């Protein structure tokens, strides 16, 4: 029937939180698990959920969903320094609404982003992300292009840039 969503069988549902609801799901090729997009994040095979703000990049090729998670390295002056983890790739024969939900939810989690060059080369991307259950925004930085993260001048400039970004949006 047109307009009817496929229902995820109860035995295949991930362990959802109380206020969490399923938006879309798909079966990766060669897996007995499912990928489930919820209002809180993306459940991947093996019952592991990535919150929308934990996904740095997501791409859909028309057959393959590639998700690049971000991990926190450290916290400095109220912002988290992030690094990319290896991309996770899933071939989806019947993707349903999963690619759309992933793109929309990851995009919606980004409240602010800006790129800056740093002294000595490289750069830093500053982002503020919306996180369900968190009052306010979570500020993160990602160093790029060989930036020397151990250089005190780079760290000081990063802290100043984050403070400027926060001030620019009234945080």
C-alpha atoms as a PDB file:
ATOM      1  CA  UNK A   1       0.000   0.000   0.000  1.00  0.00           C
ATOM      2  CA  UNK A   2       1.195   3.478  -0.807  1.00  0.00           C
ATOM      3  CA  UNK A   3       1.996   5.769   2.090  1.00  0.00           C
ATOM      4  CA  UNK A   4       2.416   2.929   4.593  1.00  0.00           C
ATOM      5  CA  UNK A   5       5.670   2.637   6.471  1.00  0.00           C
ATOM      6  CA  UNK A   6       7.271  -0.706   7.081  1.00  0.00           C
ATOM      7  CA  UNK A   7       7.028  -1.595  10.743  1.00  0.00           C
ATOM      8  CA  UNK A   8      10.185  -2.701  12.551  1.00  0.00           C
ATOM      9  CA  UNK A   9       9.534  -6.073  14.209  1.00  0.00           C
ATOM     10  CA  UNK A  10       9.686  -5.810  18.019  1.00  0.00           C
ATOM     11  CA  UNK A  11      12.499  -8.374  18.298  1.00  0.00           C
ATOM     12  CA  UNK A  12      14.714  -6.180  16.082  1.00  0.00           C
ATOM     13  CA  UNK A  13      14.147  -2.925  17.992  1.00  0.00           C
ATOM     14  CA  UNK A  14      17.160  -1.418  19.765  1.00  0.00           C
ATOM     15  CA  UNK A  15      16.900  -0.607  23.490  1.00  0.00           C
ATOM     16  CA  UNK A  16      15.310   2.823  23.105  1.00  0.00           C
ATOM     17  CA  UNK A  17      15.234   5.484  25.813  1.00  0.00           C
ATOM     18  CA  UNK A  18      11.879   6.493  27.240  1.00  0.00           C
ATOM     19  CA  UNK A  19      11.325   9.530  24.964  1.00  0.00           C
ATOM     20  CA  UNK A  20      13.060   8.010  21.947  1.00  0.00           C
ATOM     21  CA  UNK A  21      11.016   7.155  18.867  1.00  0.00           C
ATOM     22  CA  UNK A  22      11.851   5.394  15.616  1.00  0.00           C
ATOM     23  CA  UNK A  23      11.843   7.560  12.471  1.00  0.00           C
ATOM     24  CA  UNK A  24      13.189   5.100   9.884  1.00  0.00           C
ATOM     25  CA  UNK A  25      15.077   1.813   9.593  1.00  0.00           C
ATOM     26  CA  UNK A  26      16.910  -0.299   7.043  1.00  0.00           C
ATOM     27  CA  UNK A  27      18.705  -3.628   6.814  1.00  0.00           C
ATOM     28  CA  UNK A  28      22.372  -3.502   5.810  1.00  0.00           C
ATOM     29  CA  UNK A  29      23.426  -6.111   3.241  1.00  0.00           C
ATOM     30  CA  UNK A  30      24.929  -9.197   4.823  1.00  0.00           C
ATOM     31  CA  UNK A  31      23.742  -8.377   8.345  1.00  0.00           C
ATOM     32  CA  UNK A  32      21.000  -9.712  10.568  1.00  0.00           C
ATOM     33  CA  UNK A  33      20.954  -6.389  12.436  1.00  0.00           C
ATOM     34  CA  UNK A  34      19.237  -3.182  11.386  1.00  0.00           C
ATOM     35  CA  UNK A  35      20.141   0.503  11.225  1.00  0.00           C
ATOM     36  CA  UNK A  36      17.557   2.591  13.043  1.00  0.00           C
ATOM     37  CA  UNK A  37      17.227   6.384  12.891  1.00  0.00           C
ATOM     38  CA  UNK A  38      15.485   7.860  15.936  1.00  0.00           C
ATOM     39  CA  UNK A  39      14.905  11.351  17.252  1.00  0.00           C
ATOM     40  CA  UNK A  40      17.992  10.813  19.490  1.00  0.00           C
ATOM     41  CA  UNK A  41      20.488   9.310  17.060  1.00  0.00           C
ATOM     42  CA  UNK A  42      21.462   6.501  14.742  1.00  0.00           C
ATOM     43  CA  UNK A  43      21.446   2.920  16.031  1.00  0.00           C
ATOM     44  CA  UNK A  44      24.044   0.879  14.211  1.00  0.00           C
ATOM     45  CA  UNK A  45      24.407  -2.900  14.000  1.00  0.00           C
ATOM     46  CA  UNK A  46      25.419  -4.292  17.373  1.00  0.00           C
ATOM     47  CA  UNK A  47      23.028  -2.037  19.367  1.00  0.00           C
ATOM     48  CA  UNK A  48      25.352   0.939  19.413  1.00  0.00           C
ATOM     49  CA  UNK A  49      23.786   4.386  19.102  1.00  0.00           C
ATOM     50  CA  UNK A  50      25.560   7.490  17.876  1.00  0.00           C
ATOM     51  CA  UNK A  51      23.858  10.706  18.927  1.00  0.00           C
ATOM     52  CA  UNK A  52      23.296  13.106  16.039  1.00  0.00           C
ATOM     53  CA  UNK A  53      25.904  15.477  17.491  1.00  0.00           C
ATOM     54  CA  UNK A  54      28.438  12.610  17.566  1.00  0.00           C
ATOM     55  CA  UNK A  55      28.353  12.223  13.795  1.00  0.00           C
ATOM     56  CA  UNK A  56      30.879  14.443  12.055  1.00  0.00           C
ATOM     57  CA  UNK A  57      30.013  13.440   8.497  1.00  0.00           C
ATOM     58  CA  UNK A  58      27.450  11.294   6.758  1.00  0.00           C
ATOM     59  CA  UNK A  59      27.218  10.564   3.050  1.00  0.00           C
ATOM     60  CA  UNK A  60      24.781   8.610   0.902  1.00  0.00           C
ATOM     61  CA  UNK A  61      25.970   7.277  -2.472  1.00  0.00           C
ATOM     62  CA  UNK A  62      22.621   5.878  -3.526  1.00  0.00           C
ATOM     63  CA  UNK A  63      23.581   2.433  -2.197  1.00  0.00           C
ATOM     64  CA  UNK A  64      26.039   2.992   0.621  1.00  0.00           C
ATOM     65  CA  UNK A  65      25.621   4.989   3.811  1.00  0.00           C
ATOM     66  CA  UNK A  66      28.968   6.195   5.186  1.00  0.00           C
ATOM     67  CA  UNK A  67      29.005   7.613   8.717  1.00  0.00           C
ATOM     68  CA  UNK A  68      32.075   9.235  10.291  1.00  0.00           C
ATOM     69  CA  UNK A  69      31.762   9.401  14.074  1.00  0.00           C
ATOM     70  CA  UNK A  70      33.656  11.980  16.104  1.00  0.00           C
ATOM     71  CA  UNK A  71      35.340  11.225  19.431  1.00  0.00           C
ATOM     72  CA  UNK A  72      36.265  13.648  22.187  1.00  0.00           C
ATOM     73  CA  UNK A  73      40.012  13.860  22.787  1.00  0.00           C
ATOM     74  CA  UNK A  74      39.962  16.377  25.647  1.00  0.00           C
ATOM     75  CA  UNK A  75      38.046  19.336  27.051  1.00  0.00           C
ATOM     76  CA  UNK A  76      39.676  22.770  27.278  1.00  0.00           C
ATOM     77  CA  UNK A  77      38.032  25.951  28.613  1.00  0.00           C
ATOM     78  CA  UNK A  78      34.507  24.584  28.138  1.00  0.00           C
ATOM     79  CA  UNK A  79      34.867  23.207  24.613  1.00  0.00           C
ATOM     80  CA  UNK A  80      35.624  19.666  23.449  1.00  0.00           C
ATOM     81  CA  UNK A  81      38.487  18.875  21.090  1.00  0.00           C
ATOM     82  CA  UNK A  82      37.214  16.275  18.627  1.00  0.00           C
ATOM     83  CA  UNK A  83      38.823  13.865  16.198  1.00  0.00           C
ATOM     84  CA  UNK A  84      37.306  11.738  13.473  1.00  0.00           C
ATOM     85  CA  UNK A  85      36.993   8.001  13.951  1.00  0.00           C
ATOM     86  CA  UNK A  86      37.121   5.539  11.050  1.00  0.00           C
ATOM     87  CA  UNK A  87      34.124   5.764   8.739  1.00  0.00           C
ATOM     88  CA  UNK A  88      31.464   3.089   9.074  1.00  0.00           C
ATOM     89  CA  UNK A  89      29.957   1.916   5.779  1.00  0.00           C
ATOM     90  CA  UNK A  90      26.705   0.080   5.186  1.00  0.00           C
ATOM     91  CA  UNK A  91      25.191  -1.037   1.893  1.00  0.00           C
ATOM     92  CA  UNK A  92      21.427  -0.552   2.037  1.00  0.00           C
ATOM     93  CA  UNK A  93      19.373  -2.344  -0.617  1.00  0.00           C
ATOM     94  CA  UNK A  94      16.130  -0.817   0.651  1.00  0.00           C
ATOM     95  CA  UNK A  95      17.205   2.353   2.459  1.00  0.00           C
ATOM     96  CA  UNK A  96      13.728   3.721   3.021  1.00  0.00           C
ATOM     97  CA  UNK A  97      13.906   7.101   4.725  1.00  0.00           C
ATOM     98  CA  UNK A  98      17.186   6.377   6.574  1.00  0.00           C
ATOM     99  CA  UNK A  99      19.509   8.506   4.343  1.00  0.00           C
ATOM    100  CA  UNK A 100      17.104  11.454   4.465  1.00  0.00           C
ATOM    101  CA  UNK A 101      16.720  11.239   8.256  1.00  0.00           C
ATOM    102  CA  UNK A 102      20.487  10.966   8.783  1.00  0.00           C
ATOM    103  CA  UNK A 103      21.192  14.023   6.630  1.00  0.00           C
ATOM    104  CA  UNK A 104      18.382  16.087   8.140  1.00  0.00           C
ATOM    105  CA  UNK A 105      19.173  15.198  11.755  1.00  0.00           C
ATOM    106  CA  UNK A 106      22.947  15.672  11.517  1.00  0.00           C
ATOM    107  CA  UNK A 107      22.429  19.009   9.748  1.00  0.00           C
ATOM    108  CA  UNK A 108      19.834  20.104  12.312  1.00  0.00           C
ATOM    109  CA  UNK A 109      22.235  19.325  15.176  1.00  0.00           C
ATOM    110  CA  UNK A 110      24.675  21.992  13.930  1.00  0.00           C
ATOM    111  CA  UNK A 111      23.726  25.381  15.358  1.00  0.00           C
ATOM    112  CA  UNK A 112      26.924  27.197  14.364  1.00  0.00           C
ATOM    113  CA  UNK A 113      30.119  26.408  12.486  1.00  0.00           C
ATOM    114  CA  UNK A 114      33.101  28.446  11.276  1.00  0.00           C
ATOM    115  CA  UNK A 115      36.606  27.702   9.981  1.00  0.00           C
ATOM    116  CA  UNK A 116      39.736  29.683  10.922  1.00  0.00           C
ATOM    117  CA  UNK A 117      43.366  29.530   9.796  1.00  0.00           C
ATOM    118  CA  UNK A 118      45.906  29.089  12.587  1.00  0.00           C
ATOM    119  CA  UNK A 119      49.444  30.440  13.028  1.00  0.00           C
ATOM    120  CA  UNK A 120      52.039  27.978  11.779  1.00  0.00           C
ATOM    121  CA  UNK A 121      49.631  26.315   9.329  1.00  0.00           C
ATOM    122  CA  UNK A 122      46.489  24.301   9.442  1.00  0.00           C
ATOM    123  CA  UNK A 123      43.201  25.439  10.806  1.00  0.00           C
ATOM    124  CA  UNK A 124      40.445  24.868  13.296  1.00  0.00           C
ATOM    125  CA  UNK A 125      36.739  24.308  12.737  1.00  0.00           C
ATOM    126  CA  UNK A 126      34.589  25.562  15.604  1.00  0.00           C
ATOM    127  CA  UNK A 127      31.084  24.169  15.939  1.00  0.00           C
ATOM    128  CA  UNK A 128      28.193  24.436  18.347  1.00  0.00           C
ATOM    129  CA  UNK A 129      25.939  21.382  18.331  1.00  0.00           C
ATOM    130  CA  UNK A 130      22.463  20.773  19.724  1.00  0.00           C
ATOM    131  CA  UNK A 131      22.381  17.689  21.929  1.00  0.00           C
ATOM    132  CA  UNK A 132      19.056  16.193  23.091  1.00  0.00           C
ATOM    133  CA  UNK A 133      18.743  16.532  26.852  1.00  0.00           C
ATOM    134  CA  UNK A 134      21.462  19.203  27.080  1.00  0.00           C
ATOM    135  CA  UNK A 135      20.448  22.744  27.955  1.00  0.00           C
ATOM    136  CA  UNK A 136      22.313  25.043  25.588  1.00  0.00           C
ATOM    137  CA  UNK A 137      24.892  24.103  22.984  1.00  0.00           C
ATOM    138  CA  UNK A 138      27.905  21.808  23.065  1.00  0.00           C
ATOM    139  CA  UNK A 139      30.950  23.645  21.702  1.00  0.00           C
ATOM    140  CA  UNK A 140      33.552  21.610  19.833  1.00  0.00           C
ATOM    141  CA  UNK A 141      36.719  22.210  17.839  1.00  0.00           C
ATOM    142  CA  UNK A 142      38.360  20.028  15.215  1.00  0.00           C
ATOM    143  CA  UNK A 143      41.939  20.785  14.172  1.00  0.00           C
ATOM    144  CA  UNK A 144      42.642  20.362  10.460  1.00  0.00           C
ATOM    145  CA  UNK A 145      45.506  20.453   7.998  1.00  0.00           C
ATOM    146  CA  UNK A 146      48.353  19.632  10.352  1.00  0.00           C
ATOM    147  CA  UNK A 147      47.640  22.283  12.975  1.00  0.00           C
ATOM    148  CA  UNK A 148      50.068  21.941  15.899  1.00  0.00           C
ATOM    149  CA  UNK A 149      47.615  21.262  18.723  1.00  0.00           C
ATOM    150  CA  UNK A 150      50.444  21.138  21.267  1.00  0.00           C
ATOM    151  CA  UNK A 151      51.551  24.707  20.483  1.00  0.00           C
ATOM    152  CA  UNK A 152      50.445  27.004  23.342  1.00  0.00           C
ATOM    153  CA  UNK A 153      49.835  29.844  20.836  1.00  0.00           C
ATOM    154  CA  UNK A 154      47.454  27.606  18.860  1.00  0.00           C
ATOM    155  CA  UNK A 155      45.577  26.623  22.013  1.00  0.00           C
ATOM    156  CA  UNK A 156      45.335  30.249  23.166  1.00  0.00           C
ATOM    157  CA  UNK A 157      44.103  31.413  19.765  1.00  0.00           C
ATOM    158  CA  UNK A 158      41.571  28.562  19.683  1.00  0.00           C
ATOM    159  CA  UNK A 159      40.209  29.576  23.091  1.00  0.00           C
ATOM    160  CA  UNK A 160      39.878  33.179  21.890  1.00  0.00           C
ATOM    161  CA  UNK A 161      38.134  32.100  18.676  1.00  0.00           C
ATOM    162  CA  UNK A 162      35.684  29.912  20.616  1.00  0.00           C
ATOM    163  CA  UNK A 163      34.938  32.802  23.002  1.00  0.00           C
ATOM    164  CA  UNK A 164      34.326  35.112  20.001  1.00  0.00           C
ATOM    165  CA  UNK A 165      32.025  32.533  18.401  1.00  0.00           C
ATOM    166  CA  UNK A 166      30.077  32.116  21.637  1.00  0.00           C
ATOM    167  CA  UNK A 167      29.725  35.877  22.011  1.00  0.00           C
ATOM    168  CA  UNK A 168      28.560  36.233  18.402  1.00  0.00           C
ATOM    169  CA  UNK A 169      25.493  34.079  19.113  1.00  0.00           C
ATOM    170  CA  UNK A 170      24.901  35.285  22.658  1.00  0.00           C
ATOM    171  CA  UNK A 171      26.245  32.253  24.513  1.00  0.00           C
END
